[in-house]
Amino acid sequence: PDSNHTNTATGRCNHPNHQPGFSKYSRMWLLQSFCSSLVESHWEVNEGIMYDTLTVASSPPSALLLERGEVAVVVLRSPSAVRAVLAHCRLHPSVLVVCGGANTADAARDAGLAIAGVASSPSATAVAGEVARVLWQMSQT
């Protein structure tokens, strides 16, 4: 498999005696012969890129904003996001870094970033809560 992205297959069995359900399999374990077997057993197999960790080739406009300190907070939700941001800019010292979980925080620290906050998980709710906490704390100083 291509290590730059994760493929998944989702399955839904159309056999009349099958109980409804939903399954996900990583492509690392899902061989083409297995896909064929699923299709032969009345499964509908759909495959596609769910997440891509490649850094974009050209620098996005937001990179200049981060370098100039024109944003208050940058949210990094994965170690690949840490690498992508640092590939395109040097963060202005005034930009606060909020990480979406411990793994991302470890990657950010390893890259030399100062971290203002770490969400309890990479979920949208946890990250939004941590950003709000960091911004509120910043407003109190």
N, C-alpha and C. Protein backbone atom coordinates (compact mmCIF):
# COMPACT_ATOMS: atom_id res chain seq x y z
N PRO A 1 0.82 -1.20 0.00
CA PRO A 1 0.00 0.00 0.00
C PRO A 1 0.86 1.26 0.00
N ASP A 2 0.30 2.34 -0.46
CA ASP A 2 0.97 3.63 -0.47
C ASP A 2 0.97 4.17 0.96
N SER A 3 2.15 4.42 1.52
CA SER A 3 2.22 4.85 2.92
C SER A 3 1.86 6.31 3.11
N ASN A 4 1.61 7.04 2.05
CA ASN A 4 1.29 8.45 2.17
C ASN A 4 -0.18 8.72 2.46
N HIS A 5 -1.00 7.72 2.35
CA HIS A 5 -2.40 7.91 2.71
C HIS A 5 -2.99 6.57 3.12
N THR A 6 -4.11 6.62 3.76
CA THR A 6 -4.79 5.43 4.24
C THR A 6 -6.01 5.19 3.38
N ASN A 7 -6.10 4.01 2.83
CA ASN A 7 -7.30 3.62 2.12
C ASN A 7 -8.14 2.76 3.05
N THR A 8 -9.43 2.88 2.96
CA THR A 8 -10.30 2.01 3.71
C THR A 8 -11.34 1.45 2.77
N ALA A 9 -11.86 0.35 3.14
CA ALA A 9 -12.98 -0.22 2.40
C ALA A 9 -14.13 -0.34 3.39
N THR A 10 -15.28 0.05 2.96
CA THR A 10 -16.46 -0.13 3.81
C THR A 10 -17.32 -1.17 3.13
N GLY A 11 -17.98 -1.95 3.91
CA GLY A 11 -18.76 -3.02 3.32
C GLY A 11 -20.20 -3.04 3.83
N ARG A 12 -21.08 -3.45 2.94
CA ARG A 12 -22.48 -3.63 3.30
C ARG A 12 -22.93 -4.87 2.55
N CYS A 13 -23.35 -5.86 3.28
CA CYS A 13 -23.75 -7.11 2.65
C CYS A 13 -25.17 -6.99 2.13
N ASN A 14 -25.36 -7.40 0.87
CA ASN A 14 -26.68 -7.35 0.26
C ASN A 14 -27.37 -8.72 0.27
N HIS A 15 -26.75 -9.69 0.93
CA HIS A 15 -27.34 -11.03 1.00
C HIS A 15 -28.60 -10.97 1.85
N PRO A 16 -29.70 -11.61 1.43
CA PRO A 16 -30.97 -11.49 2.15
C PRO A 16 -30.93 -12.03 3.58
N ASN A 17 -30.05 -12.97 3.91
CA ASN A 17 -30.00 -13.54 5.25
C ASN A 17 -29.00 -12.85 6.17
N HIS A 18 -28.35 -11.80 5.70
CA HIS A 18 -27.33 -11.12 6.50
C HIS A 18 -27.97 -10.06 7.39
N GLN A 19 -27.52 -10.00 8.64
CA GLN A 19 -27.98 -8.95 9.55
C GLN A 19 -27.29 -7.64 9.17
N PRO A 20 -27.99 -6.51 9.16
CA PRO A 20 -27.37 -5.23 8.79
C PRO A 20 -26.18 -4.89 9.68
N GLY A 21 -25.18 -4.28 9.08
CA GLY A 21 -23.99 -3.89 9.83
C GLY A 21 -23.07 -3.05 8.98
N PHE A 22 -22.03 -2.57 9.59
CA PHE A 22 -21.06 -1.70 8.92
C PHE A 22 -19.67 -2.14 9.35
N SER A 23 -18.75 -2.27 8.40
CA SER A 23 -17.39 -2.70 8.72
C SER A 23 -16.39 -1.81 8.02
N LYS A 24 -15.25 -1.59 8.67
CA LYS A 24 -14.15 -0.84 8.06
C LYS A 24 -12.89 -1.70 8.17
N TYR A 25 -12.11 -1.73 7.12
CA TYR A 25 -10.87 -2.50 7.12
C TYR A 25 -9.77 -1.62 6.55
N SER A 26 -8.61 -1.60 7.17
CA SER A 26 -7.48 -0.87 6.61
C SER A 26 -6.99 -1.63 5.39
N ARG A 27 -6.57 -0.90 4.37
CA ARG A 27 -6.09 -1.53 3.15
C ARG A 27 -4.85 -2.40 3.39
N MET A 28 -4.11 -2.10 4.46
CA MET A 28 -2.93 -2.91 4.76
C MET A 28 -3.31 -4.38 4.90
N TRP A 29 -4.51 -4.63 5.40
CA TRP A 29 -4.92 -6.01 5.62
C TRP A 29 -5.93 -6.49 4.59
N LEU A 30 -6.39 -5.58 3.77
CA LEU A 30 -7.43 -5.94 2.82
C LEU A 30 -6.82 -6.23 1.46
N LEU A 31 -6.62 -7.46 1.16
CA LEU A 31 -6.00 -7.87 -0.10
C LEU A 31 -7.05 -7.90 -1.21
N GLN A 32 -6.58 -7.77 -2.43
CA GLN A 32 -7.51 -7.79 -3.56
C GLN A 32 -8.33 -9.06 -3.60
N SER A 33 -7.73 -10.19 -3.26
CA SER A 33 -8.49 -11.45 -3.27
C SER A 33 -9.61 -11.42 -2.23
N PHE A 34 -9.35 -10.72 -1.11
CA PHE A 34 -10.38 -10.60 -0.09
C PHE A 34 -11.54 -9.77 -0.61
N CYS A 35 -11.21 -8.67 -1.33
CA CYS A 35 -12.25 -7.85 -1.94
C CYS A 35 -13.10 -8.68 -2.89
N SER A 36 -12.43 -9.48 -3.69
CA SER A 36 -13.15 -10.33 -4.63
C SER A 36 -14.07 -11.30 -3.89
N SER A 37 -13.57 -11.86 -2.80
CA SER A 37 -14.39 -12.78 -2.00
C SER A 37 -15.61 -12.08 -1.42
N LEU A 38 -15.43 -10.85 -0.97
CA LEU A 38 -16.56 -10.10 -0.44
C LEU A 38 -17.62 -9.87 -1.52
N VAL A 39 -17.16 -9.46 -2.70
CA VAL A 39 -18.09 -9.20 -3.81
C VAL A 39 -18.84 -10.48 -4.17
N GLU A 40 -18.11 -11.60 -4.22
CA GLU A 40 -18.74 -12.90 -4.53
C GLU A 40 -19.74 -13.30 -3.46
N SER A 41 -19.57 -12.78 -2.24
CA SER A 41 -20.48 -13.11 -1.14
C SER A 41 -21.57 -12.04 -0.97
N HIS A 42 -21.78 -11.26 -2.03
CA HIS A 42 -22.84 -10.24 -2.07
C HIS A 42 -22.54 -9.01 -1.23
N TRP A 43 -21.27 -8.71 -0.99
CA TRP A 43 -20.89 -7.46 -0.33
C TRP A 43 -20.64 -6.41 -1.40
N GLU A 44 -21.00 -5.19 -1.09
CA GLU A 44 -20.66 -4.07 -1.94
C GLU A 44 -19.42 -3.42 -1.34
N VAL A 45 -18.31 -3.36 -2.08
CA VAL A 45 -17.05 -2.84 -1.57
C VAL A 45 -16.77 -1.48 -2.19
N ASN A 46 -16.55 -0.50 -1.33
CA ASN A 46 -16.22 0.86 -1.75
C ASN A 46 -14.86 1.20 -1.16
N GLU A 47 -13.97 1.76 -1.98
CA GLU A 47 -12.63 2.07 -1.53
C GLU A 47 -12.30 3.51 -1.90
N GLY A 48 -11.58 4.22 -1.00
CA GLY A 48 -11.20 5.58 -1.30
C GLY A 48 -10.25 6.15 -0.26
N ILE A 49 -9.62 7.26 -0.57
CA ILE A 49 -8.71 7.93 0.36
C ILE A 49 -9.54 8.61 1.43
N MET A 50 -9.23 8.32 2.68
CA MET A 50 -9.94 8.91 3.79
C MET A 50 -9.14 10.03 4.45
N TYR A 51 -7.82 9.96 4.32
CA TYR A 51 -6.95 10.91 5.02
C TYR A 51 -5.63 10.95 4.29
N ASP A 52 -5.12 12.12 4.03
CA ASP A 52 -3.87 12.26 3.30
C ASP A 52 -2.90 13.08 4.14
N THR A 53 -1.68 12.56 4.33
CA THR A 53 -0.69 13.23 5.17
C THR A 53 0.39 13.94 4.36
N LEU A 54 0.20 14.06 3.05
CA LEU A 54 1.20 14.74 2.23
C LEU A 54 1.15 16.24 2.46
N THR A 55 2.31 16.87 2.53
CA THR A 55 2.39 18.32 2.64
C THR A 55 2.16 18.91 1.27
N VAL A 56 1.33 19.96 1.20
CA VAL A 56 1.07 20.60 -0.09
C VAL A 56 2.36 21.18 -0.65
N ALA A 57 2.47 21.18 -1.96
CA ALA A 57 3.72 21.61 -2.61
C ALA A 57 3.94 23.12 -2.51
N SER A 58 2.89 23.90 -2.73
CA SER A 58 3.07 25.35 -2.69
C SER A 58 2.61 25.89 -1.34
N SER A 59 3.24 26.95 -0.93
CA SER A 59 2.94 27.55 0.37
C SER A 59 1.55 28.17 0.36
N PRO A 60 0.68 27.80 1.31
CA PRO A 60 -0.66 28.38 1.35
C PRO A 60 -0.60 29.82 1.86
N PRO A 61 -1.59 30.64 1.53
CA PRO A 61 -1.61 32.03 1.99
C PRO A 61 -1.54 32.16 3.51
N SER A 62 -2.06 31.19 4.23
CA SER A 62 -2.04 31.26 5.69
C SER A 62 -0.63 31.22 6.26
N ALA A 63 0.34 30.72 5.49
CA ALA A 63 1.73 30.67 5.98
C ALA A 63 2.25 32.07 6.26
N LEU A 64 1.94 33.03 5.39
CA LEU A 64 2.38 34.41 5.62
C LEU A 64 1.73 35.00 6.86
N LEU A 65 0.47 34.68 7.08
CA LEU A 65 -0.22 35.18 8.27
C LEU A 65 0.45 34.65 9.54
N LEU A 66 0.85 33.38 9.51
CA LEU A 66 1.52 32.77 10.66
C LEU A 66 2.90 33.39 10.89
N GLU A 67 3.61 33.65 9.81
CA GLU A 67 4.95 34.26 9.93
C GLU A 67 4.88 35.70 10.44
N ARG A 68 3.85 36.43 10.04
CA ARG A 68 3.71 37.83 10.43
C ARG A 68 3.05 38.00 11.81
N GLY A 69 2.53 36.92 12.37
CA GLY A 69 1.83 37.01 13.65
C GLY A 69 0.46 37.63 13.53
N GLU A 70 -0.17 37.46 12.37
CA GLU A 70 -1.49 38.06 12.12
C GLU A 70 -2.64 37.16 12.55
N VAL A 71 -2.32 36.04 13.16
CA VAL A 71 -3.34 35.17 13.76
C VAL A 71 -2.94 34.93 15.21
N ALA A 72 -3.93 34.69 16.05
CA ALA A 72 -3.65 34.50 17.47
C ALA A 72 -3.24 33.06 17.78
N VAL A 73 -3.88 32.10 17.11
CA VAL A 73 -3.68 30.68 17.44
C VAL A 73 -3.59 29.86 16.16
N VAL A 74 -2.70 28.90 16.16
CA VAL A 74 -2.69 27.89 15.12
C VAL A 74 -3.02 26.55 15.79
N VAL A 75 -3.93 25.81 15.18
CA VAL A 75 -4.33 24.51 15.70
C VAL A 75 -3.66 23.44 14.85
N LEU A 76 -2.91 22.58 15.51
CA LEU A 76 -2.25 21.46 14.85
C LEU A 76 -2.91 20.18 15.36
N ARG A 77 -3.58 19.47 14.47
CA ARG A 77 -4.37 18.32 14.90
C ARG A 77 -3.70 16.98 14.65
N SER A 78 -2.48 16.99 14.08
CA SER A 78 -1.77 15.73 13.84
C SER A 78 -0.29 16.02 13.68
N PRO A 79 0.56 15.01 13.89
CA PRO A 79 1.99 15.20 13.65
C PRO A 79 2.29 15.62 12.20
N SER A 80 1.51 15.14 11.25
CA SER A 80 1.74 15.55 9.86
C SER A 80 1.39 17.02 9.67
N ALA A 81 0.45 17.55 10.44
CA ALA A 81 0.13 18.98 10.37
C ALA A 81 1.29 19.81 10.90
N VAL A 82 1.96 19.31 11.95
CA VAL A 82 3.15 20.00 12.47
C VAL A 82 4.20 20.10 11.36
N ARG A 83 4.46 18.98 10.70
CA ARG A 83 5.46 18.96 9.63
C ARG A 83 5.05 19.88 8.48
N ALA A 84 3.78 19.88 8.13
CA ALA A 84 3.30 20.71 7.01
C ALA A 84 3.44 22.20 7.31
N VAL A 85 3.06 22.62 8.50
CA VAL A 85 3.18 24.04 8.85
C VAL A 85 4.64 24.46 8.82
N LEU A 86 5.49 23.66 9.44
CA LEU A 86 6.91 24.04 9.51
C LEU A 86 7.62 23.94 8.16
N ALA A 87 7.05 23.19 7.24
CA ALA A 87 7.63 23.12 5.89
C ALA A 87 7.43 24.43 5.13
N HIS A 88 6.43 25.21 5.54
CA HIS A 88 6.08 26.42 4.80
C HIS A 88 6.33 27.73 5.53
N CYS A 89 6.61 27.68 6.83
CA CYS A 89 6.82 28.95 7.53
C CYS A 89 7.49 28.76 8.88
N ARG A 90 7.98 29.87 9.40
CA ARG A 90 8.43 29.95 10.79
C ARG A 90 7.35 30.72 11.54
N LEU A 91 6.81 30.11 12.57
CA LEU A 91 5.76 30.77 13.32
C LEU A 91 6.29 32.00 14.03
N HIS A 92 5.53 33.08 13.94
CA HIS A 92 5.85 34.29 14.69
C HIS A 92 5.74 33.94 16.18
N PRO A 93 6.61 34.49 17.01
CA PRO A 93 6.58 34.15 18.45
C PRO A 93 5.25 34.45 19.14
N SER A 94 4.44 35.37 18.59
CA SER A 94 3.16 35.71 19.22
C SER A 94 2.06 34.69 18.93
N VAL A 95 2.26 33.81 17.94
CA VAL A 95 1.24 32.85 17.56
C VAL A 95 1.24 31.70 18.58
N LEU A 96 0.09 31.49 19.20
CA LEU A 96 -0.05 30.40 20.17
C LEU A 96 -0.34 29.10 19.44
N VAL A 97 0.25 28.01 19.94
CA VAL A 97 0.08 26.69 19.33
C VAL A 97 -0.81 25.84 20.22
N VAL A 98 -1.90 25.34 19.64
CA VAL A 98 -2.78 24.41 20.33
C VAL A 98 -2.72 23.09 19.56
N CYS A 99 -2.47 22.02 20.30
CA CYS A 99 -2.34 20.70 19.67
C CYS A 99 -3.55 19.84 19.97
N GLY A 100 -3.93 19.05 18.99
CA GLY A 100 -5.07 18.15 19.12
C GLY A 100 -4.67 16.80 19.67
N GLY A 101 -4.20 16.75 20.88
CA GLY A 101 -3.84 15.49 21.52
C GLY A 101 -2.36 15.37 21.81
N ALA A 102 -2.03 14.37 22.60
CA ALA A 102 -0.67 14.17 23.10
C ALA A 102 0.34 13.85 22.00
N ASN A 103 -0.04 13.02 21.03
CA ASN A 103 0.90 12.67 19.96
C ASN A 103 1.31 13.89 19.15
N THR A 104 0.35 14.74 18.87
CA THR A 104 0.64 15.97 18.13
C THR A 104 1.51 16.90 18.97
N ALA A 105 1.22 16.98 20.26
CA ALA A 105 2.03 17.82 21.15
C ALA A 105 3.47 17.32 21.20
N ASP A 106 3.66 16.01 21.24
CA ASP A 106 5.02 15.45 21.23
C ASP A 106 5.76 15.84 19.96
N ALA A 107 5.07 15.75 18.82
CA ALA A 107 5.69 16.11 17.54
C ALA A 107 6.02 17.60 17.50
N ALA A 108 5.14 18.43 18.04
CA ALA A 108 5.37 19.88 18.06
C ALA A 108 6.56 20.22 18.96
N ARG A 109 6.62 19.60 20.13
CA ARG A 109 7.76 19.83 21.02
C ARG A 109 9.06 19.39 20.37
N ASP A 110 9.03 18.21 19.76
CA ASP A 110 10.23 17.70 19.07
C ASP A 110 10.69 18.64 17.97
N ALA A 111 9.74 19.37 17.37
CA ALA A 111 10.06 20.32 16.30
C ALA A 111 10.48 21.68 16.85
N GLY A 112 10.47 21.82 18.17
CA GLY A 112 10.90 23.06 18.79
C GLY A 112 9.82 24.10 19.01
N LEU A 113 8.57 23.73 18.87
CA LEU A 113 7.48 24.68 19.07
C LEU A 113 7.11 24.80 20.55
N ALA A 114 6.77 26.00 20.97
CA ALA A 114 6.23 26.22 22.31
C ALA A 114 4.73 26.00 22.24
N ILE A 115 4.20 25.22 23.14
CA ILE A 115 2.79 24.82 23.08
C ILE A 115 2.00 25.56 24.16
N ALA A 116 0.91 26.20 23.73
CA ALA A 116 0.05 26.92 24.66
C ALA A 116 -1.02 26.02 25.25
N GLY A 117 -1.41 24.98 24.52
CA GLY A 117 -2.46 24.09 25.01
C GLY A 117 -2.49 22.79 24.26
N VAL A 118 -2.96 21.75 24.95
CA VAL A 118 -3.11 20.42 24.36
C VAL A 118 -4.52 19.92 24.65
N ALA A 119 -5.28 19.65 23.61
CA ALA A 119 -6.62 19.10 23.78
C ALA A 119 -6.54 17.68 24.31
N SER A 120 -7.56 17.26 25.01
CA SER A 120 -7.58 15.91 25.58
C SER A 120 -7.66 14.84 24.49
N SER A 121 -8.12 15.23 23.30
CA SER A 121 -8.19 14.32 22.15
C SER A 121 -8.22 15.18 20.89
N PRO A 122 -8.04 14.56 19.71
CA PRO A 122 -8.10 15.35 18.46
C PRO A 122 -9.53 15.63 17.98
N SER A 123 -10.53 15.29 18.78
CA SER A 123 -11.92 15.54 18.35
C SER A 123 -12.18 17.04 18.22
N ALA A 124 -13.11 17.39 17.38
CA ALA A 124 -13.43 18.80 17.16
C ALA A 124 -13.88 19.47 18.46
N THR A 125 -14.65 18.78 19.26
CA THR A 125 -15.15 19.35 20.51
C THR A 125 -14.01 19.62 21.48
N ALA A 126 -13.10 18.66 21.63
CA ALA A 126 -11.98 18.83 22.56
C ALA A 126 -11.04 19.94 22.09
N VAL A 127 -10.77 19.99 20.79
CA VAL A 127 -9.88 21.03 20.26
C VAL A 127 -10.52 22.41 20.41
N ALA A 128 -11.80 22.53 20.08
CA ALA A 128 -12.48 23.83 20.22
C ALA A 128 -12.48 24.29 21.68
N GLY A 129 -12.70 23.38 22.59
CA GLY A 129 -12.67 23.72 24.01
C GLY A 129 -11.30 24.20 24.45
N GLU A 130 -10.25 23.56 23.95
CA GLU A 130 -8.89 23.95 24.32
C GLU A 130 -8.53 25.30 23.70
N VAL A 131 -8.94 25.55 22.47
CA VAL A 131 -8.70 26.86 21.85
C VAL A 131 -9.41 27.95 22.65
N ALA A 132 -10.65 27.70 23.03
CA ALA A 132 -11.38 28.69 23.83
C ALA A 132 -10.67 28.95 25.16
N ARG A 133 -10.18 27.91 25.81
CA ARG A 133 -9.48 28.06 27.07
C ARG A 133 -8.21 28.89 26.90
N VAL A 134 -7.44 28.58 25.84
CA VAL A 134 -6.19 29.31 25.59
C VAL A 134 -6.47 30.77 25.27
N LEU A 135 -7.47 31.04 24.44
CA LEU A 135 -7.81 32.42 24.11
C LEU A 135 -8.31 33.18 25.33
N TRP A 136 -9.12 32.55 26.16
CA TRP A 136 -9.60 33.20 27.37
C TRP A 136 -8.41 33.51 28.29
N GLN A 137 -7.54 32.53 28.45
CA GLN A 137 -6.36 32.75 29.31
C GLN A 137 -5.51 33.89 28.76
N MET A 138 -5.35 33.96 27.45
CA MET A 138 -4.57 35.03 26.83
C MET A 138 -5.22 36.39 27.10
N SER A 139 -6.55 36.42 27.08
CA SER A 139 -7.25 37.69 27.30
C SER A 139 -7.13 38.18 28.74
N GLN A 140 -6.77 37.32 29.64
CA GLN A 140 -6.66 37.67 31.06
C GLN A 140 -5.29 38.24 31.41
N THR A 141 -4.36 38.19 30.47
CA THR A 141 -3.01 38.69 30.77
C THR A 141 -2.77 40.06 30.17
